[in-house]
């Protein structure tokens, strides 16, 4: 029981900075490192071919990829088990 209370306390303590976040955009690796080095070499950022920042497009892409990979894995697993004796 003491360990459970300690875990709850530590999780609340760790989440306090997140709760107090002001809504400013956090800089990622792309902005801090890659864009800086690209600018040093004279390259400017360009728009992606498929912009996945719009709505649920990224979620749909992951759903589609998961469905296709599940179908392929299931198909080849069936082929793998075809000649096997199950006794």
N, C-alpha and C. Protein backbone atom coordinates (compact mmCIF):
# COMPACT_ATOMS: atom_id res chain seq x y z
N UNK A 1 0.82 -1.19 0.00
CA UNK A 1 0.00 0.00 0.00
C UNK A 1 0.87 1.26 0.00
N UNK A 2 2.00 1.22 0.73
CA UNK A 2 2.88 2.37 0.77
C UNK A 2 3.50 2.64 -0.61
N UNK A 3 3.82 1.56 -1.32
CA UNK A 3 4.40 1.72 -2.65
C UNK A 3 3.39 2.36 -3.60
N UNK A 4 2.13 1.99 -3.48
CA UNK A 4 1.08 2.56 -4.33
C UNK A 4 0.94 4.06 -4.07
N UNK A 5 0.93 4.45 -2.81
CA UNK A 5 0.81 5.87 -2.46
C UNK A 5 2.04 6.64 -2.96
N UNK A 6 3.22 6.03 -2.84
CA UNK A 6 4.45 6.65 -3.32
C UNK A 6 4.40 6.86 -4.84
N UNK A 7 3.91 5.87 -5.56
CA UNK A 7 3.80 5.98 -7.03
C UNK A 7 2.83 7.09 -7.41
N UNK A 8 1.69 7.17 -6.74
CA UNK A 8 0.71 8.22 -7.01
C UNK A 8 1.33 9.59 -6.72
N UNK A 9 2.00 9.72 -5.59
CA UNK A 9 2.62 10.99 -5.22
C UNK A 9 3.67 11.41 -6.25
N UNK A 10 4.52 10.48 -6.66
CA UNK A 10 5.56 10.80 -7.63
C UNK A 10 4.98 11.15 -9.00
N UNK A 11 3.91 10.47 -9.40
CA UNK A 11 3.30 10.79 -10.70
C UNK A 11 2.66 12.17 -10.68
N UNK A 12 2.07 12.57 -9.55
CA UNK A 12 1.52 13.92 -9.44
C UNK A 12 2.64 14.94 -9.44
N UNK A 13 3.73 14.64 -8.75
CA UNK A 13 4.86 15.55 -8.68
C UNK A 13 5.49 15.76 -10.06
N UNK A 14 5.59 14.69 -10.83
CA UNK A 14 6.18 14.77 -12.16
C UNK A 14 5.26 15.51 -13.12
N UNK A 15 3.93 15.38 -12.96
CA UNK A 15 3.00 16.00 -13.89
C UNK A 15 2.75 17.48 -13.61
N UNK A 16 3.21 18.01 -12.51
CA UNK A 16 2.97 19.42 -12.19
C UNK A 16 3.53 20.38 -13.24
N UNK A 17 4.76 20.19 -13.74
CA UNK A 17 5.23 21.11 -14.79
C UNK A 17 4.39 21.03 -16.06
N UNK A 18 3.84 19.88 -16.35
CA UNK A 18 3.01 19.73 -17.55
C UNK A 18 1.68 20.45 -17.36
N UNK A 19 1.13 20.38 -16.17
CA UNK A 19 -0.15 21.03 -15.88
C UNK A 19 0.01 22.55 -15.99
N UNK A 20 1.14 23.09 -15.55
CA UNK A 20 1.37 24.52 -15.57
C UNK A 20 1.88 25.04 -16.90
N UNK A 21 1.84 24.24 -17.96
CA UNK A 21 2.35 24.64 -19.26
C UNK A 21 1.51 25.80 -19.81
N UNK A 22 2.16 26.82 -20.34
CA UNK A 22 1.47 28.04 -20.79
C UNK A 22 0.91 27.95 -22.19
N UNK A 23 1.17 26.88 -22.91
CA UNK A 23 0.65 26.74 -24.25
C UNK A 23 1.63 27.15 -25.33
N UNK A 24 2.84 27.55 -24.95
CA UNK A 24 3.85 27.89 -25.94
C UNK A 24 4.27 26.63 -26.68
N UNK A 25 4.63 26.81 -27.94
CA UNK A 25 5.04 25.67 -28.75
C UNK A 25 6.44 25.22 -28.33
N UNK A 26 6.61 23.93 -28.10
CA UNK A 26 7.91 23.39 -27.75
C UNK A 26 8.70 23.16 -29.03
N UNK A 27 9.97 23.46 -28.99
CA UNK A 27 10.83 23.25 -30.16
C UNK A 27 11.23 21.79 -30.22
N UNK A 28 11.13 21.22 -31.40
CA UNK A 28 11.52 19.83 -31.60
C UNK A 28 12.89 19.75 -32.24
N UNK A 29 13.32 18.53 -32.53
CA UNK A 29 14.63 18.31 -33.14
C UNK A 29 14.68 18.93 -34.53
N UNK A 30 13.56 18.88 -35.27
CA UNK A 30 13.54 19.47 -36.61
C UNK A 30 13.88 20.95 -36.57
N UNK A 31 13.25 21.68 -35.64
CA UNK A 31 13.45 23.13 -35.59
C UNK A 31 14.81 23.50 -35.00
N UNK A 32 15.21 22.80 -33.96
CA UNK A 32 16.42 23.19 -33.24
C UNK A 32 17.68 22.76 -33.97
N UNK A 33 17.72 21.55 -34.46
CA UNK A 33 18.97 21.01 -35.01
C UNK A 33 18.95 20.99 -36.54
N UNK A 34 17.98 20.31 -37.12
CA UNK A 34 18.01 20.06 -38.57
C UNK A 34 17.84 21.36 -39.36
N UNK A 35 16.87 22.19 -38.99
CA UNK A 35 16.67 23.44 -39.72
C UNK A 35 17.86 24.39 -39.56
N UNK A 36 18.48 24.38 -38.39
CA UNK A 36 19.65 25.23 -38.16
C UNK A 36 20.81 24.82 -39.06
N UNK A 37 21.08 23.53 -39.15
CA UNK A 37 22.17 23.04 -39.98
C UNK A 37 21.86 23.24 -41.46
N UNK A 38 20.60 23.03 -41.84
CA UNK A 38 20.20 23.25 -43.23
C UNK A 38 20.35 24.71 -43.62
N UNK A 39 20.00 25.63 -42.71
CA UNK A 39 20.15 27.06 -43.00
C UNK A 39 21.62 27.44 -43.13
N UNK A 40 22.49 26.81 -42.35
CA UNK A 40 23.92 27.08 -42.46
C UNK A 40 24.48 26.67 -43.82
N UNK A 41 23.86 25.66 -44.44
CA UNK A 41 24.32 25.17 -45.73
C UNK A 41 23.49 25.72 -46.90
N UNK A 42 22.63 26.69 -46.61
CA UNK A 42 21.89 27.36 -47.67
C UNK A 42 20.64 26.65 -48.15
N UNK A 43 20.13 25.70 -47.41
CA UNK A 43 18.90 24.99 -47.80
C UNK A 43 17.73 25.55 -47.01
N UNK A 44 16.61 25.74 -47.66
CA UNK A 44 15.41 26.23 -46.98
C UNK A 44 14.42 25.09 -46.84
N UNK A 45 13.60 25.11 -45.78
CA UNK A 45 12.61 24.03 -45.61
C UNK A 45 11.53 24.12 -46.68
N UNK A 46 11.04 22.98 -47.12
CA UNK A 46 9.98 22.93 -48.12
C UNK A 46 8.77 22.20 -47.54
N UNK A 47 7.64 22.41 -48.16
CA UNK A 47 6.41 21.75 -47.72
C UNK A 47 6.48 20.25 -48.02
N UNK A 48 5.93 19.41 -47.13
CA UNK A 48 5.93 17.97 -47.40
C UNK A 48 4.97 17.61 -48.54
N UNK A 49 5.20 16.48 -49.18
CA UNK A 49 4.31 16.04 -50.26
C UNK A 49 2.90 15.78 -49.75
N UNK A 50 2.81 15.09 -48.61
CA UNK A 50 1.51 14.83 -47.97
C UNK A 50 1.55 15.48 -46.60
N UNK A 51 0.77 16.52 -46.40
CA UNK A 51 0.76 17.25 -45.14
C UNK A 51 -0.13 16.51 -44.15
N UNK A 52 0.48 15.84 -43.17
CA UNK A 52 -0.29 15.04 -42.21
C UNK A 52 -0.68 15.84 -40.97
N UNK A 53 -0.44 17.13 -40.97
CA UNK A 53 -0.80 17.96 -39.82
C UNK A 53 -2.26 18.40 -39.86
N UNK A 54 -2.99 18.00 -40.86
CA UNK A 54 -4.38 18.43 -41.02
C UNK A 54 -5.33 17.36 -40.49
N UNK A 55 -6.03 17.67 -39.42
CA UNK A 55 -7.07 16.78 -38.90
C UNK A 55 -6.55 15.42 -38.49
N UNK A 56 -7.29 14.39 -38.88
CA UNK A 56 -6.97 13.02 -38.50
C UNK A 56 -6.30 12.25 -39.63
N UNK A 57 -5.66 12.95 -40.55
CA UNK A 57 -5.02 12.28 -41.68
C UNK A 57 -3.92 11.33 -41.21
N UNK A 58 -3.11 11.76 -40.25
CA UNK A 58 -2.03 10.90 -39.74
C UNK A 58 -2.61 9.65 -39.07
N UNK A 59 -3.69 9.81 -38.31
CA UNK A 59 -4.34 8.66 -37.69
C UNK A 59 -4.87 7.70 -38.74
N UNK A 60 -5.45 8.22 -39.82
CA UNK A 60 -5.95 7.38 -40.90
C UNK A 60 -4.82 6.63 -41.59
N UNK A 61 -3.68 7.30 -41.79
CA UNK A 61 -2.54 6.65 -42.44
C UNK A 61 -2.04 5.49 -41.58
N UNK A 62 -1.94 5.69 -40.25
CA UNK A 62 -1.51 4.60 -39.37
C UNK A 62 -2.53 3.47 -39.35
N UNK A 63 -3.83 3.80 -39.38
CA UNK A 63 -4.87 2.78 -39.42
C UNK A 63 -4.77 1.95 -40.70
N UNK A 64 -4.58 2.63 -41.82
CA UNK A 64 -4.46 1.95 -43.10
C UNK A 64 -3.22 1.06 -43.14
N UNK A 65 -2.09 1.57 -42.65
CA UNK A 65 -0.86 0.77 -42.63
C UNK A 65 -1.01 -0.44 -41.71
N UNK A 66 -1.67 -0.28 -40.57
CA UNK A 66 -1.89 -1.40 -39.67
C UNK A 66 -2.80 -2.45 -40.27
N UNK A 67 -3.84 -2.02 -40.97
CA UNK A 67 -4.74 -2.97 -41.63
C UNK A 67 -4.04 -3.76 -42.71
N UNK A 68 -3.27 -3.07 -43.53
CA UNK A 68 -2.55 -3.75 -44.61
C UNK A 68 -1.50 -4.71 -44.06
N UNK A 69 -0.74 -4.27 -43.06
CA UNK A 69 0.28 -5.16 -42.50
C UNK A 69 -0.34 -6.33 -41.76
N UNK A 70 -1.49 -6.13 -41.12
CA UNK A 70 -2.18 -7.25 -40.47
C UNK A 70 -2.67 -8.27 -41.48
N UNK A 71 -3.20 -7.80 -42.61
CA UNK A 71 -3.65 -8.72 -43.66
C UNK A 71 -2.48 -9.51 -44.22
N UNK A 72 -1.36 -8.83 -44.50
CA UNK A 72 -0.19 -9.51 -45.06
C UNK A 72 0.38 -10.52 -44.07
N UNK A 73 0.49 -10.13 -42.79
CA UNK A 73 1.01 -11.05 -41.78
C UNK A 73 0.10 -12.26 -41.61
N UNK A 74 -1.22 -12.04 -41.61
CA UNK A 74 -2.16 -13.16 -41.50
C UNK A 74 -2.10 -14.09 -42.69
N UNK A 75 -1.96 -13.53 -43.88
CA UNK A 75 -1.89 -14.35 -45.08
C UNK A 75 -0.65 -15.23 -45.07
N UNK A 76 0.49 -14.65 -44.74
CA UNK A 76 1.72 -15.44 -44.75
C UNK A 76 1.79 -16.40 -43.57
N UNK A 77 1.13 -16.10 -42.45
CA UNK A 77 1.08 -17.04 -41.34
C UNK A 77 0.26 -18.27 -41.73
N UNK A 78 -0.82 -18.05 -42.48
CA UNK A 78 -1.65 -19.16 -42.96
C UNK A 78 -0.82 -20.05 -43.88
N UNK A 79 -0.04 -19.43 -44.76
CA UNK A 79 0.81 -20.20 -45.67
C UNK A 79 1.88 -20.97 -44.90
N UNK A 80 2.39 -20.40 -43.82
CA UNK A 80 3.41 -21.04 -43.02
C UNK A 80 2.88 -22.27 -42.31
N UNK A 81 1.63 -22.21 -41.87
CA UNK A 81 1.03 -23.31 -41.11
C UNK A 81 0.35 -24.35 -41.99
N UNK A 82 0.32 -24.17 -43.29
CA UNK A 82 -0.42 -25.06 -44.20
C UNK A 82 0.05 -26.51 -44.12
N UNK A 83 1.32 -26.78 -44.20
CA UNK A 83 1.82 -28.14 -44.26
C UNK A 83 2.16 -28.74 -42.91
N UNK A 84 1.84 -28.08 -41.84
CA UNK A 84 2.23 -28.51 -40.49
C UNK A 84 1.17 -29.43 -39.89
N UNK A 85 1.61 -30.51 -39.24
CA UNK A 85 0.71 -31.43 -38.55
C UNK A 85 0.42 -30.87 -37.17
N UNK A 86 -0.84 -30.72 -36.82
CA UNK A 86 -1.21 -30.08 -35.56
C UNK A 86 -1.42 -31.07 -34.42
N UNK A 87 -1.10 -32.32 -34.59
CA UNK A 87 -1.28 -33.30 -33.51
C UNK A 87 -0.12 -33.32 -32.59
